[in-house]
Amino acid sequence: MSPRLRGVPAPVRTRRAWLVFALTAVGGTIAAALLPSPWSIVAGVLASLGAVGAFAMFVLITVLEDDERE
């Protein structure tokens, strides 16, 4: 394992975090579509944060799995 990834948790934990972020993104998107104006903005921000977190976890999982194969 490379030194730059020493403190990173195992892919199993990052998969759980990815699931939480992905569900947050989906739930926030649905809520933004259904809620009235001030709350839809809040739900949209929540959805965007969930999407960014899910993408970051996806990249981290990919890096960890590639590092394990070597």
N, C-alpha and C. Protein backbone atom coordinates (compact mmCIF):
# COMPACT_ATOMS: atom_id res chain seq x y z
N MET A 1 0.85 -1.18 0.00
CA MET A 1 0.00 0.00 0.00
C MET A 1 0.88 1.23 0.00
N SER A 2 0.56 2.18 -0.84
CA SER A 2 1.39 3.37 -0.96
C SER A 2 1.25 4.25 0.28
N PRO A 3 2.30 5.02 0.61
CA PRO A 3 2.26 5.85 1.82
C PRO A 3 1.18 6.93 1.77
N ARG A 4 0.81 7.40 0.59
CA ARG A 4 -0.19 8.47 0.51
C ARG A 4 -1.58 7.97 0.88
N LEU A 5 -1.82 6.66 0.88
CA LEU A 5 -3.13 6.10 1.19
C LEU A 5 -3.16 5.38 2.53
N ARG A 6 -2.12 5.53 3.32
CA ARG A 6 -2.01 4.78 4.57
C ARG A 6 -3.15 5.05 5.53
N GLY A 7 -3.62 6.29 5.65
CA GLY A 7 -4.69 6.62 6.59
C GLY A 7 -6.09 6.46 6.04
N VAL A 8 -6.21 6.01 4.82
CA VAL A 8 -7.53 5.88 4.18
C VAL A 8 -8.16 4.56 4.58
N PRO A 9 -9.46 4.58 4.91
CA PRO A 9 -10.12 3.35 5.34
C PRO A 9 -10.24 2.33 4.20
N ALA A 10 -10.57 1.13 4.54
CA ALA A 10 -10.72 0.05 3.57
C ALA A 10 -11.87 0.34 2.60
N PRO A 11 -11.84 -0.27 1.41
CA PRO A 11 -12.91 -0.01 0.43
C PRO A 11 -14.31 -0.33 0.95
N VAL A 12 -14.44 -1.23 1.89
CA VAL A 12 -15.77 -1.57 2.40
C VAL A 12 -16.38 -0.36 3.10
N ARG A 13 -15.60 0.33 3.89
CA ARG A 13 -16.10 1.52 4.58
C ARG A 13 -16.43 2.63 3.60
N THR A 14 -15.59 2.79 2.58
CA THR A 14 -15.85 3.84 1.60
C THR A 14 -17.08 3.52 0.76
N ARG A 15 -17.36 2.23 0.57
CA ARG A 15 -18.59 1.87 -0.14
C ARG A 15 -19.82 2.26 0.67
N ARG A 16 -19.75 2.10 1.98
CA ARG A 16 -20.87 2.52 2.83
C ARG A 16 -21.05 4.03 2.77
N ALA A 17 -19.94 4.76 2.82
CA ALA A 17 -20.00 6.21 2.73
C ALA A 17 -20.55 6.63 1.37
N TRP A 18 -20.13 5.91 0.30
CA TRP A 18 -20.65 6.21 -1.03
C TRP A 18 -22.16 6.03 -1.06
N LEU A 19 -22.65 4.97 -0.43
CA LEU A 19 -24.09 4.71 -0.40
C LEU A 19 -24.84 5.84 0.30
N VAL A 20 -24.30 6.31 1.41
CA VAL A 20 -24.94 7.42 2.14
C VAL A 20 -24.97 8.68 1.28
N PHE A 21 -23.86 9.00 0.64
CA PHE A 21 -23.82 10.19 -0.21
C PHE A 21 -24.76 10.05 -1.40
N ALA A 22 -24.79 8.88 -2.01
CA ALA A 22 -25.65 8.67 -3.18
C ALA A 22 -27.12 8.78 -2.79
N LEU A 23 -27.49 8.20 -1.66
CA LEU A 23 -28.89 8.30 -1.21
C LEU A 23 -29.26 9.73 -0.85
N THR A 24 -28.31 10.47 -0.29
CA THR A 24 -28.53 11.89 0.01
C THR A 24 -28.76 12.67 -1.27
N ALA A 25 -27.97 12.39 -2.29
CA ALA A 25 -28.13 13.08 -3.56
C ALA A 25 -29.49 12.78 -4.19
N VAL A 26 -29.88 11.53 -4.19
CA VAL A 26 -31.17 11.15 -4.79
C VAL A 26 -32.33 11.73 -3.97
N GLY A 27 -32.26 11.59 -2.67
CA GLY A 27 -33.32 12.13 -1.81
C GLY A 27 -33.43 13.63 -1.91
N GLY A 28 -32.29 14.31 -1.96
CA GLY A 28 -32.30 15.77 -2.10
C GLY A 28 -32.86 16.22 -3.43
N THR A 29 -32.57 15.46 -4.48
CA THR A 29 -33.11 15.80 -5.80
C THR A 29 -34.62 15.65 -5.83
N ILE A 30 -35.12 14.56 -5.27
CA ILE A 30 -36.57 14.35 -5.23
C ILE A 30 -37.24 15.41 -4.37
N ALA A 31 -36.63 15.72 -3.22
CA ALA A 31 -37.20 16.74 -2.34
C ALA A 31 -37.19 18.11 -3.01
N ALA A 32 -36.14 18.43 -3.75
CA ALA A 32 -36.08 19.73 -4.43
C ALA A 32 -37.17 19.86 -5.48
N ALA A 33 -37.54 18.74 -6.08
CA ALA A 33 -38.60 18.79 -7.09
C ALA A 33 -39.98 18.93 -6.46
N LEU A 34 -40.14 18.44 -5.25
CA LEU A 34 -41.48 18.40 -4.64
C LEU A 34 -41.77 19.54 -3.66
N LEU A 35 -40.75 20.10 -3.05
CA LEU A 35 -40.97 21.10 -2.01
C LEU A 35 -41.16 22.50 -2.58
N PRO A 36 -41.81 23.40 -1.82
CA PRO A 36 -41.96 24.79 -2.26
C PRO A 36 -40.62 25.53 -2.23
N SER A 37 -40.63 26.73 -2.75
CA SER A 37 -39.43 27.48 -3.09
C SER A 37 -38.31 27.55 -2.04
N PRO A 38 -38.48 28.06 -0.86
CA PRO A 38 -37.28 28.17 0.00
C PRO A 38 -36.70 26.80 0.36
N TRP A 39 -37.55 25.82 0.54
CA TRP A 39 -37.06 24.50 0.91
C TRP A 39 -36.45 23.75 -0.27
N SER A 40 -36.92 24.05 -1.46
CA SER A 40 -36.34 23.38 -2.63
C SER A 40 -34.90 23.81 -2.85
N ILE A 41 -34.58 25.03 -2.51
CA ILE A 41 -33.19 25.50 -2.62
C ILE A 41 -32.31 24.75 -1.62
N VAL A 42 -32.78 24.60 -0.40
CA VAL A 42 -32.03 23.87 0.61
C VAL A 42 -31.85 22.41 0.18
N ALA A 43 -32.90 21.79 -0.32
CA ALA A 43 -32.82 20.40 -0.77
C ALA A 43 -31.90 20.28 -1.98
N GLY A 44 -31.90 21.27 -2.86
CA GLY A 44 -30.99 21.26 -4.01
C GLY A 44 -29.53 21.35 -3.59
N VAL A 45 -29.25 22.17 -2.60
CA VAL A 45 -27.88 22.27 -2.07
C VAL A 45 -27.48 20.95 -1.43
N LEU A 46 -28.39 20.34 -0.69
CA LEU A 46 -28.12 19.05 -0.08
C LEU A 46 -27.85 17.99 -1.15
N ALA A 47 -28.63 18.02 -2.21
CA ALA A 47 -28.44 17.07 -3.31
C ALA A 47 -27.09 17.27 -3.98
N SER A 48 -26.70 18.51 -4.17
CA SER A 48 -25.40 18.76 -4.82
C SER A 48 -24.24 18.33 -3.93
N LEU A 49 -24.36 18.55 -2.63
CA LEU A 49 -23.30 18.08 -1.72
C LEU A 49 -23.23 16.55 -1.71
N GLY A 50 -24.39 15.90 -1.74
CA GLY A 50 -24.41 14.45 -1.81
C GLY A 50 -23.78 13.93 -3.09
N ALA A 51 -24.04 14.60 -4.20
CA ALA A 51 -23.47 14.18 -5.48
C ALA A 51 -21.96 14.35 -5.50
N VAL A 52 -21.46 15.46 -4.97
CA VAL A 52 -20.02 15.68 -4.91
C VAL A 52 -19.37 14.64 -3.99
N GLY A 53 -19.98 14.35 -2.86
CA GLY A 53 -19.44 13.34 -1.95
C GLY A 53 -19.46 11.95 -2.56
N ALA A 54 -20.53 11.62 -3.28
CA ALA A 54 -20.61 10.31 -3.94
C ALA A 54 -19.53 10.18 -5.00
N PHE A 55 -19.29 11.24 -5.75
CA PHE A 55 -18.23 11.20 -6.77
C PHE A 55 -16.86 11.04 -6.12
N ALA A 56 -16.62 11.76 -5.03
CA ALA A 56 -15.34 11.64 -4.33
C ALA A 56 -15.14 10.23 -3.78
N MET A 57 -16.18 9.64 -3.22
CA MET A 57 -16.07 8.27 -2.71
C MET A 57 -15.85 7.28 -3.85
N PHE A 58 -16.48 7.50 -5.00
CA PHE A 58 -16.27 6.64 -6.16
C PHE A 58 -14.81 6.67 -6.60
N VAL A 59 -14.25 7.87 -6.66
CA VAL A 59 -12.83 8.00 -7.03
C VAL A 59 -11.95 7.32 -6.00
N LEU A 60 -12.24 7.50 -4.73
CA LEU A 60 -11.45 6.89 -3.67
C LEU A 60 -11.52 5.37 -3.72
N ILE A 61 -12.70 4.83 -3.97
CA ILE A 61 -12.86 3.38 -4.08
C ILE A 61 -12.06 2.86 -5.27
N THR A 62 -12.12 3.56 -6.38
CA THR A 62 -11.37 3.15 -7.57
C THR A 62 -9.87 3.15 -7.30
N VAL A 63 -9.38 4.17 -6.64
CA VAL A 63 -7.95 4.25 -6.31
C VAL A 63 -7.55 3.12 -5.37
N LEU A 64 -8.37 2.86 -4.35
CA LEU A 64 -8.05 1.80 -3.40
C LEU A 64 -8.06 0.42 -4.06
N GLU A 65 -9.02 0.16 -4.93
CA GLU A 65 -9.08 -1.15 -5.59
C GLU A 65 -7.92 -1.31 -6.56
N ASP A 66 -7.54 -0.25 -7.25
CA ASP A 66 -6.38 -0.34 -8.14
C ASP A 66 -5.10 -0.55 -7.36
N ASP A 67 -5.03 0.07 -6.17
CA ASP A 67 -3.84 -0.08 -5.33
C ASP A 67 -3.74 -1.51 -4.79
N GLU A 68 -4.87 -2.16 -4.51
CA GLU A 68 -4.87 -3.53 -4.01
C GLU A 68 -4.44 -4.52 -5.08
N ARG A 69 -4.74 -4.24 -6.34
CA ARG A 69 -4.40 -5.16 -7.43
C ARG A 69 -2.90 -5.21 -7.69
N GLU A 70 -2.20 -4.14 -7.36
CA GLU A 70 -0.75 -4.09 -7.62
C GLU A 70 0.05 -4.90 -6.65
